[in-house]
C-alpha cells in the first residue's frame, strides 16, 4: 500500500478520481480501463484499481478475487474491440523495480503475434520484469504473495 502523500501525486489515482482527461473505456466501483499512452501492441489497455495499491508485490492471498476481476475486465475490453483470438493475448504486470507508474495496473495486449521484438521483450515471457496474470494468481493462491 502507499501513503496518502504518494496517492496525491499518483497519475493513475488522478485518472481514477476523474482528475485527468484520460478516456476511461470501462469502469466499475473498483476498477477502470484505459489505453496505454505508449502502446506495445495494436490493442494495449491498462486495468487499474481505484484504490491505490503500489504494485503486484503488494498483493496477498486476499487479492485473488480482485486480480481475477482485473483479468476479466481485460478480456471484456479486448472482446469489445473484436479481439477474438484469446491465444494471441498477453495479460500481465511489471515487477518492481521496472514499474513505470507505482500503482497496480494490469496490461492487456493483443495481438501478440504482431508485436515488435522490443515490445515482446518488454511485455513477454522472456522479460525478467513481467509476470503473467495467471502466474500472479497461482502464486497468490499457493504462497499468499507474489515473488
N, C-alpha and C. Protein backbone atom coordinates (compact mmCIF):
# COMPACT_ATOMS: atom_id res chain seq x y z
N UNK A 1 0.85 -1.17 0.00
CA UNK A 1 0.00 0.00 0.00
C UNK A 1 0.89 1.23 0.00
N UNK A 2 0.30 2.38 -0.10
CA UNK A 2 1.07 3.61 -0.19
C UNK A 2 0.54 4.63 0.79
N UNK A 3 1.35 5.63 1.04
CA UNK A 3 0.91 6.71 1.91
C UNK A 3 -0.04 7.62 1.14
N UNK A 4 -0.80 8.39 1.90
CA UNK A 4 -1.73 9.31 1.26
C UNK A 4 -0.99 10.33 0.39
N UNK A 5 0.22 10.70 0.82
CA UNK A 5 1.02 11.67 0.06
C UNK A 5 1.35 11.13 -1.33
N UNK A 6 1.74 9.84 -1.43
CA UNK A 6 2.06 9.28 -2.75
C UNK A 6 0.81 9.13 -3.60
N UNK A 7 -0.34 8.89 -2.97
CA UNK A 7 -1.58 8.80 -3.73
C UNK A 7 -1.93 10.15 -4.35
N UNK A 8 -1.63 11.24 -3.64
CA UNK A 8 -1.95 12.58 -4.14
C UNK A 8 -1.22 12.90 -5.44
N UNK A 9 -0.01 12.35 -5.61
CA UNK A 9 0.76 12.66 -6.81
C UNK A 9 0.78 11.51 -7.81
N UNK A 10 0.03 10.45 -7.55
CA UNK A 10 0.00 9.30 -8.44
C UNK A 10 -0.87 9.60 -9.66
N UNK A 11 -0.28 9.46 -10.85
CA UNK A 11 -1.02 9.78 -12.07
C UNK A 11 -2.22 8.86 -12.27
N UNK A 12 -2.12 7.59 -11.86
CA UNK A 12 -3.25 6.68 -12.01
C UNK A 12 -4.35 6.97 -10.99
N UNK A 13 -3.99 7.41 -9.80
CA UNK A 13 -5.01 7.84 -8.83
C UNK A 13 -5.78 9.04 -9.38
N UNK A 14 -5.07 9.92 -10.07
CA UNK A 14 -5.75 11.09 -10.67
C UNK A 14 -6.74 10.64 -11.74
N UNK A 15 -6.38 9.65 -12.53
CA UNK A 15 -7.31 9.11 -13.54
C UNK A 15 -8.51 8.49 -12.82
N UNK A 16 -8.24 7.70 -11.78
CA UNK A 16 -9.32 7.04 -11.04
C UNK A 16 -10.27 8.04 -10.38
N UNK A 17 -9.74 9.21 -10.02
CA UNK A 17 -10.54 10.24 -9.36
C UNK A 17 -11.09 11.29 -10.33
N UNK A 18 -11.07 10.99 -11.62
CA UNK A 18 -11.56 11.90 -12.66
C UNK A 18 -10.86 13.25 -12.64
N UNK A 19 -9.57 13.24 -12.34
CA UNK A 19 -8.77 14.46 -12.32
C UNK A 19 -7.84 14.51 -13.53
N UNK A 20 -8.23 13.83 -14.59
CA UNK A 20 -7.42 13.72 -15.80
C UNK A 20 -8.36 13.68 -16.99
N UNK A 21 -7.83 14.01 -18.16
CA UNK A 21 -8.67 13.93 -19.35
C UNK A 21 -8.51 12.58 -20.07
N UNK A 22 -7.91 11.60 -19.40
CA UNK A 22 -7.78 10.26 -19.95
C UNK A 22 -9.16 9.66 -20.21
N UNK A 23 -9.34 9.09 -21.40
CA UNK A 23 -10.62 8.47 -21.73
C UNK A 23 -10.72 7.10 -21.06
N UNK A 24 -11.66 6.98 -20.15
CA UNK A 24 -11.91 5.71 -19.47
C UNK A 24 -12.86 4.90 -20.36
N UNK A 25 -12.44 3.68 -20.70
CA UNK A 25 -13.19 2.84 -21.63
C UNK A 25 -14.18 1.92 -20.92
N UNK A 26 -13.79 1.43 -19.75
CA UNK A 26 -14.65 0.59 -18.92
C UNK A 26 -14.38 0.96 -17.47
N UNK A 27 -15.40 0.85 -16.64
CA UNK A 27 -15.18 1.09 -15.21
C UNK A 27 -16.28 0.44 -14.39
N UNK A 28 -15.96 0.19 -13.13
CA UNK A 28 -16.94 -0.25 -12.16
C UNK A 28 -16.53 0.36 -10.82
N UNK A 29 -17.06 -0.13 -9.74
CA UNK A 29 -16.78 0.50 -8.45
C UNK A 29 -15.36 0.29 -7.94
N UNK A 30 -14.61 -0.69 -8.50
CA UNK A 30 -13.25 -0.90 -8.01
C UNK A 30 -12.15 -0.86 -9.08
N UNK A 31 -12.54 -0.88 -10.36
CA UNK A 31 -11.55 -0.93 -11.45
C UNK A 31 -11.92 0.03 -12.56
N UNK A 32 -10.91 0.40 -13.37
CA UNK A 32 -11.17 1.11 -14.60
C UNK A 32 -10.12 0.77 -15.63
N UNK A 33 -10.47 0.98 -16.89
CA UNK A 33 -9.63 0.58 -18.01
C UNK A 33 -9.49 1.73 -18.98
N UNK A 34 -8.27 1.91 -19.49
CA UNK A 34 -7.99 2.94 -20.49
C UNK A 34 -6.83 2.47 -21.35
N UNK A 35 -6.60 3.17 -22.46
CA UNK A 35 -5.50 2.82 -23.38
C UNK A 35 -4.16 3.22 -22.78
N UNK A 36 -3.15 2.41 -23.04
CA UNK A 36 -1.79 2.75 -22.63
C UNK A 36 -1.30 3.89 -23.51
N UNK A 37 -0.65 4.88 -22.92
CA UNK A 37 -0.17 6.04 -23.70
C UNK A 37 1.03 5.68 -24.56
N UNK A 38 1.74 4.59 -24.24
CA UNK A 38 2.86 4.10 -25.05
C UNK A 38 2.59 2.64 -25.40
N UNK A 39 1.68 2.42 -26.34
CA UNK A 39 1.25 1.05 -26.61
C UNK A 39 2.36 0.16 -27.16
N UNK A 40 2.36 -1.08 -26.66
CA UNK A 40 3.30 -2.09 -27.14
C UNK A 40 2.65 -3.04 -28.12
N UNK A 41 1.36 -2.83 -28.38
CA UNK A 41 0.61 -3.69 -29.31
C UNK A 41 -0.53 -2.86 -29.88
N UNK A 42 -1.11 -3.36 -30.94
CA UNK A 42 -2.24 -2.64 -31.57
C UNK A 42 -3.35 -2.40 -30.56
N UNK A 43 -3.58 -3.37 -29.68
CA UNK A 43 -4.54 -3.23 -28.59
C UNK A 43 -3.73 -3.35 -27.30
N UNK A 44 -3.59 -2.25 -26.59
CA UNK A 44 -2.83 -2.24 -25.33
C UNK A 44 -3.61 -1.40 -24.34
N UNK A 45 -4.19 -2.09 -23.35
CA UNK A 45 -5.04 -1.44 -22.36
C UNK A 45 -4.47 -1.67 -20.98
N UNK A 46 -4.73 -0.73 -20.10
CA UNK A 46 -4.35 -0.87 -18.70
C UNK A 46 -5.62 -0.97 -17.86
N UNK A 47 -5.62 -1.91 -16.94
CA UNK A 47 -6.71 -2.06 -16.00
C UNK A 47 -6.12 -1.74 -14.64
N UNK A 48 -6.66 -0.71 -13.98
CA UNK A 48 -6.12 -0.26 -12.70
C UNK A 48 -7.18 -0.36 -11.61
N UNK A 49 -6.68 -0.38 -10.39
CA UNK A 49 -7.57 -0.34 -9.23
C UNK A 49 -7.88 1.11 -8.89
N UNK A 50 -9.09 1.36 -8.44
CA UNK A 50 -9.43 2.71 -7.98
C UNK A 50 -8.68 3.04 -6.69
N UNK A 51 -8.59 2.03 -5.82
CA UNK A 51 -7.86 2.20 -4.57
C UNK A 51 -6.38 1.99 -4.85
N UNK A 52 -5.55 2.85 -4.32
CA UNK A 52 -4.12 2.77 -4.59
C UNK A 52 -3.50 1.52 -3.95
N UNK A 53 -2.91 0.70 -4.81
CA UNK A 53 -2.06 -0.42 -4.41
C UNK A 53 -0.78 -0.22 -5.21
N UNK A 54 0.36 -0.28 -4.55
CA UNK A 54 1.61 0.08 -5.22
C UNK A 54 1.91 -0.74 -6.47
N UNK A 55 1.91 -2.07 -6.37
CA UNK A 55 2.27 -2.94 -7.49
C UNK A 55 1.93 -4.37 -7.13
N UNK A 56 2.26 -5.31 -8.01
CA UNK A 56 1.87 -6.71 -7.78
C UNK A 56 2.54 -7.32 -6.56
N UNK A 57 3.69 -6.79 -6.13
CA UNK A 57 4.37 -7.30 -4.94
C UNK A 57 3.61 -6.94 -3.66
N UNK A 58 2.70 -5.97 -3.73
CA UNK A 58 1.91 -5.58 -2.57
C UNK A 58 0.65 -6.44 -2.41
N UNK A 59 0.43 -7.35 -3.35
CA UNK A 59 -0.76 -8.21 -3.29
C UNK A 59 -0.55 -9.36 -2.31
N UNK A 60 -1.67 -9.86 -1.78
CA UNK A 60 -1.63 -11.04 -0.92
C UNK A 60 -2.80 -11.95 -1.29
N UNK A 61 -2.93 -13.05 -0.59
CA UNK A 61 -3.96 -14.02 -0.90
C UNK A 61 -5.37 -13.46 -0.90
N UNK A 62 -5.60 -12.41 -0.14
CA UNK A 62 -6.92 -11.78 -0.11
C UNK A 62 -7.26 -11.05 -1.41
N UNK A 63 -6.29 -10.85 -2.28
CA UNK A 63 -6.48 -10.11 -3.53
C UNK A 63 -6.79 -10.99 -4.74
N UNK A 64 -6.93 -12.30 -4.55
CA UNK A 64 -7.19 -13.20 -5.68
C UNK A 64 -8.41 -12.74 -6.48
N UNK A 65 -9.51 -12.47 -5.81
CA UNK A 65 -10.73 -12.04 -6.49
C UNK A 65 -10.53 -10.75 -7.27
N UNK A 66 -9.79 -9.81 -6.69
CA UNK A 66 -9.51 -8.54 -7.36
C UNK A 66 -8.73 -8.78 -8.65
N UNK A 67 -7.69 -9.58 -8.58
CA UNK A 67 -6.87 -9.86 -9.77
C UNK A 67 -7.70 -10.59 -10.83
N UNK A 68 -8.56 -11.52 -10.40
CA UNK A 68 -9.44 -12.19 -11.35
C UNK A 68 -10.37 -11.20 -12.04
N UNK A 69 -10.88 -10.24 -11.29
CA UNK A 69 -11.77 -9.22 -11.88
C UNK A 69 -10.98 -8.31 -12.83
N UNK A 70 -9.73 -8.02 -12.52
CA UNK A 70 -8.89 -7.23 -13.43
C UNK A 70 -8.72 -7.96 -14.76
N UNK A 71 -8.43 -9.26 -14.68
CA UNK A 71 -8.27 -10.06 -15.90
C UNK A 71 -9.58 -10.08 -16.69
N UNK A 72 -10.70 -10.23 -16.01
CA UNK A 72 -12.00 -10.26 -16.68
C UNK A 72 -12.28 -8.93 -17.39
N UNK A 73 -11.94 -7.81 -16.76
CA UNK A 73 -12.13 -6.52 -17.42
C UNK A 73 -11.23 -6.43 -18.64
N UNK A 74 -10.01 -6.97 -18.55
CA UNK A 74 -9.12 -7.01 -19.72
C UNK A 74 -9.72 -7.81 -20.86
N UNK A 75 -10.28 -8.96 -20.52
CA UNK A 75 -10.95 -9.77 -21.55
C UNK A 75 -12.12 -9.01 -22.17
N UNK A 76 -12.88 -8.33 -21.33
CA UNK A 76 -14.05 -7.57 -21.81
C UNK A 76 -13.66 -6.46 -22.77
N UNK A 77 -12.59 -5.71 -22.46
CA UNK A 77 -12.21 -4.61 -23.35
C UNK A 77 -11.68 -5.16 -24.67
N UNK A 78 -10.97 -6.28 -24.63
CA UNK A 78 -10.49 -6.88 -25.87
C UNK A 78 -11.66 -7.40 -26.71
N UNK A 79 -12.62 -8.06 -26.07
CA UNK A 79 -13.80 -8.55 -26.80
C UNK A 79 -14.59 -7.39 -27.39
N UNK A 80 -14.71 -6.31 -26.65
CA UNK A 80 -15.42 -5.13 -27.14
C UNK A 80 -14.75 -4.56 -28.38
N UNK A 81 -13.44 -4.77 -28.48
CA UNK A 81 -12.66 -4.29 -29.64
C UNK A 81 -12.39 -5.40 -30.65
N UNK A 82 -13.23 -6.44 -30.59
CA UNK A 82 -13.23 -7.53 -31.55
C UNK A 82 -11.92 -8.31 -31.62
N UNK A 83 -11.23 -8.41 -30.49
CA UNK A 83 -10.06 -9.29 -30.40
C UNK A 83 -10.61 -10.64 -29.97
N UNK A 84 -10.62 -11.58 -30.89
CA UNK A 84 -11.28 -12.87 -30.65
C UNK A 84 -10.31 -14.01 -30.36
N UNK A 85 -9.08 -13.90 -30.84
CA UNK A 85 -8.11 -14.98 -30.66
C UNK A 85 -7.47 -14.87 -29.28
N UNK A 86 -8.00 -15.57 -28.31
CA UNK A 86 -7.51 -15.47 -26.94
C UNK A 86 -6.12 -16.07 -26.77
N UNK A 87 -5.64 -16.82 -27.76
CA UNK A 87 -4.28 -17.36 -27.70
C UNK A 87 -3.24 -16.34 -28.15
N UNK A 88 -3.69 -15.23 -28.70
CA UNK A 88 -2.81 -14.18 -29.20
C UNK A 88 -2.87 -12.95 -28.29
N UNK A 89 -3.02 -13.20 -26.98
CA UNK A 89 -3.20 -12.14 -25.99
C UNK A 89 -2.27 -12.39 -24.82
N UNK A 90 -1.73 -11.31 -24.26
CA UNK A 90 -0.98 -11.40 -23.01
C UNK A 90 -1.64 -10.51 -21.98
N UNK A 91 -1.73 -11.02 -20.75
CA UNK A 91 -2.17 -10.25 -19.60
C UNK A 91 -1.06 -10.35 -18.56
N UNK A 92 -0.60 -9.22 -18.05
CA UNK A 92 0.45 -9.31 -17.03
C UNK A 92 0.78 -7.99 -16.37
N UNK A 93 1.67 -8.10 -15.40
CA UNK A 93 2.12 -6.97 -14.59
C UNK A 93 3.63 -6.84 -14.69
N UNK A 94 4.13 -5.62 -14.60
CA UNK A 94 5.57 -5.44 -14.46
C UNK A 94 5.93 -5.63 -12.99
N UNK A 95 7.13 -6.13 -12.78
CA UNK A 95 7.63 -6.41 -11.44
C UNK A 95 8.60 -5.30 -11.04
N UNK A 96 8.48 -4.79 -9.81
CA UNK A 96 9.44 -3.78 -9.34
C UNK A 96 10.85 -4.32 -9.44
N UNK A 97 11.81 -3.51 -9.81
CA UNK A 97 11.75 -2.05 -9.90
C UNK A 97 11.35 -1.51 -11.27
N UNK A 98 10.94 -2.38 -12.18
CA UNK A 98 10.63 -1.96 -13.55
C UNK A 98 9.16 -1.56 -13.72
N UNK A 99 8.63 -0.81 -12.78
CA UNK A 99 7.25 -0.36 -12.82
C UNK A 99 7.26 1.11 -13.22
N UNK A 100 6.61 1.44 -14.33
CA UNK A 100 6.63 2.82 -14.82
C UNK A 100 5.78 3.75 -13.96
N UNK A 101 4.66 3.27 -13.47
CA UNK A 101 3.79 4.03 -12.57
C UNK A 101 3.54 3.16 -11.35
N UNK A 102 3.93 3.62 -10.17
CA UNK A 102 3.78 2.79 -8.97
C UNK A 102 2.33 2.73 -8.47
N UNK A 103 1.49 2.15 -9.27
CA UNK A 103 0.07 1.92 -8.97
C UNK A 103 -0.29 0.64 -9.72
N UNK A 104 -0.85 -0.33 -9.03
CA UNK A 104 -1.15 -1.62 -9.65
C UNK A 104 -1.89 -1.44 -10.97
N UNK A 105 -1.35 -2.03 -12.02
CA UNK A 105 -2.01 -1.98 -13.32
C UNK A 105 -1.68 -3.24 -14.12
N UNK A 106 -2.74 -3.81 -14.67
CA UNK A 106 -2.65 -5.00 -15.50
C UNK A 106 -2.59 -4.56 -16.95
N UNK A 107 -1.63 -5.11 -17.69
CA UNK A 107 -1.53 -4.85 -19.13
C UNK A 107 -2.32 -5.92 -19.87
N UNK A 108 -3.15 -5.51 -20.80
CA UNK A 108 -3.86 -6.41 -21.71
C UNK A 108 -3.37 -6.07 -23.11
N UNK A 109 -2.69 -7.00 -23.76
CA UNK A 109 -2.04 -6.75 -25.05
C UNK A 109 -2.48 -7.76 -26.11
N UNK A 110 -2.73 -7.25 -27.31
CA UNK A 110 -3.09 -8.12 -28.44
C UNK A 110 -2.96 -7.34 -29.75
N UNK A 111 -2.72 -7.96 -30.85
CA UNK A 111 -2.29 -9.35 -30.99
C UNK A 111 -0.80 -9.48 -30.72
N UNK A 112 -0.45 -10.45 -29.92
CA UNK A 112 0.94 -10.68 -29.54
C UNK A 112 1.78 -11.01 -30.77
N UNK A 113 1.21 -11.76 -31.70
CA UNK A 113 1.94 -12.20 -32.90
C UNK A 113 2.40 -11.03 -33.77
N UNK A 114 1.82 -9.87 -33.59
CA UNK A 114 2.20 -8.71 -34.39
C UNK A 114 3.04 -7.69 -33.62
N UNK A 115 3.38 -8.01 -32.38
CA UNK A 115 4.20 -7.09 -31.59
C UNK A 115 5.65 -7.13 -32.07
N UNK A 116 6.32 -5.96 -32.05
CA UNK A 116 7.72 -5.94 -32.44
C UNK A 116 8.58 -6.56 -31.33
N UNK A 117 9.83 -6.85 -31.64
CA UNK A 117 10.72 -7.54 -30.71
C UNK A 117 10.89 -6.77 -29.40
N UNK A 118 11.03 -5.46 -29.50
CA UNK A 118 11.20 -4.64 -28.30
C UNK A 118 10.01 -4.80 -27.36
N UNK A 119 8.81 -4.75 -27.90
CA UNK A 119 7.61 -4.92 -27.08
C UNK A 119 7.51 -6.33 -26.51
N UNK A 120 7.87 -7.33 -27.32
CA UNK A 120 7.83 -8.70 -26.82
C UNK A 120 8.80 -8.90 -25.67
N UNK A 121 9.97 -8.26 -25.76
CA UNK A 121 10.95 -8.37 -24.67
C UNK A 121 10.49 -7.61 -23.43
N UNK A 122 9.77 -6.53 -23.64
CA UNK A 122 9.31 -5.69 -22.52
C UNK A 122 8.10 -6.29 -21.81
N UNK A 123 7.21 -6.93 -22.58
CA UNK A 123 5.95 -7.41 -22.03
C UNK A 123 5.78 -8.93 -22.08
N UNK A 124 6.73 -9.64 -22.58
CA UNK A 124 6.51 -11.05 -22.82
C UNK A 124 7.19 -11.99 -21.85
N UNK A 125 7.09 -13.28 -22.12
CA UNK A 125 7.63 -14.30 -21.22
C UNK A 125 9.15 -14.31 -21.13
N UNK A 126 9.83 -13.64 -22.06
CA UNK A 126 11.29 -13.57 -21.99
C UNK A 126 11.79 -12.43 -21.11
N UNK A 127 10.88 -11.60 -20.65
CA UNK A 127 11.24 -10.49 -19.76
C UNK A 127 11.38 -10.99 -18.33
N UNK A 128 12.43 -10.54 -17.65
CA UNK A 128 12.60 -10.87 -16.23
C UNK A 128 11.74 -9.97 -15.36
N UNK A 129 11.14 -8.95 -15.97
CA UNK A 129 10.42 -7.93 -15.20
C UNK A 129 8.93 -7.89 -15.52
N UNK A 130 8.41 -8.94 -16.14
CA UNK A 130 7.00 -9.02 -16.48
C UNK A 130 6.48 -10.38 -16.06
N UNK A 131 5.37 -10.41 -15.36
CA UNK A 131 4.80 -11.65 -14.86
C UNK A 131 3.36 -11.77 -15.35
N UNK A 132 2.99 -12.94 -15.84
CA UNK A 132 1.63 -13.10 -16.35
C UNK A 132 0.62 -13.06 -15.21
N UNK A 133 -0.59 -12.67 -15.55
CA UNK A 133 -1.64 -12.63 -14.54
C UNK A 133 -1.91 -14.02 -13.98
N UNK A 134 -1.80 -15.05 -14.81
CA UNK A 134 -2.04 -16.40 -14.33
C UNK A 134 -0.97 -16.84 -13.32
N UNK A 135 0.26 -16.42 -13.55
CA UNK A 135 1.33 -16.74 -12.60
C UNK A 135 1.11 -15.98 -11.29
N UNK A 136 0.68 -14.73 -11.37
CA UNK A 136 0.37 -13.96 -10.15
C UNK A 136 -0.74 -14.67 -9.37
N UNK A 137 -1.80 -15.07 -10.07
CA UNK A 137 -2.90 -15.75 -9.39
C UNK A 137 -2.43 -17.05 -8.75
N UNK A 138 -1.61 -17.81 -9.44
CA UNK A 138 -1.09 -19.06 -8.90
C UNK A 138 -0.28 -18.82 -7.64
N UNK A 139 0.59 -17.82 -7.67
CA UNK A 139 1.42 -17.51 -6.50
C UNK A 139 0.57 -17.01 -5.33
N UNK A 140 -0.44 -16.20 -5.62
CA UNK A 140 -1.30 -15.72 -4.54
C UNK A 140 -2.07 -16.88 -3.90
N UNK A 141 -2.51 -17.81 -4.72
CA UNK A 141 -3.29 -18.95 -4.20
C UNK A 141 -2.42 -19.92 -3.40
N UNK A 142 -1.16 -20.11 -3.81
CA UNK A 142 -0.31 -21.11 -3.15
C UNK A 142 0.58 -20.52 -2.07
N UNK A 143 1.10 -19.32 -2.29
CA UNK A 143 2.05 -18.73 -1.33
C UNK A 143 1.47 -17.55 -0.57
N UNK A 144 0.38 -16.99 -1.11
CA UNK A 144 -0.21 -15.82 -0.47
C UNK A 144 0.48 -14.52 -0.81
N UNK A 145 1.49 -14.58 -1.72
CA UNK A 145 2.18 -13.37 -2.15
C UNK A 145 2.86 -13.61 -3.48
N UNK A 146 3.29 -12.52 -4.11
CA UNK A 146 3.99 -12.61 -5.40
C UNK A 146 5.47 -12.53 -5.14
N UNK A 147 6.20 -13.44 -5.76
CA UNK A 147 7.67 -13.42 -5.61
C UNK A 147 8.34 -12.81 -6.79
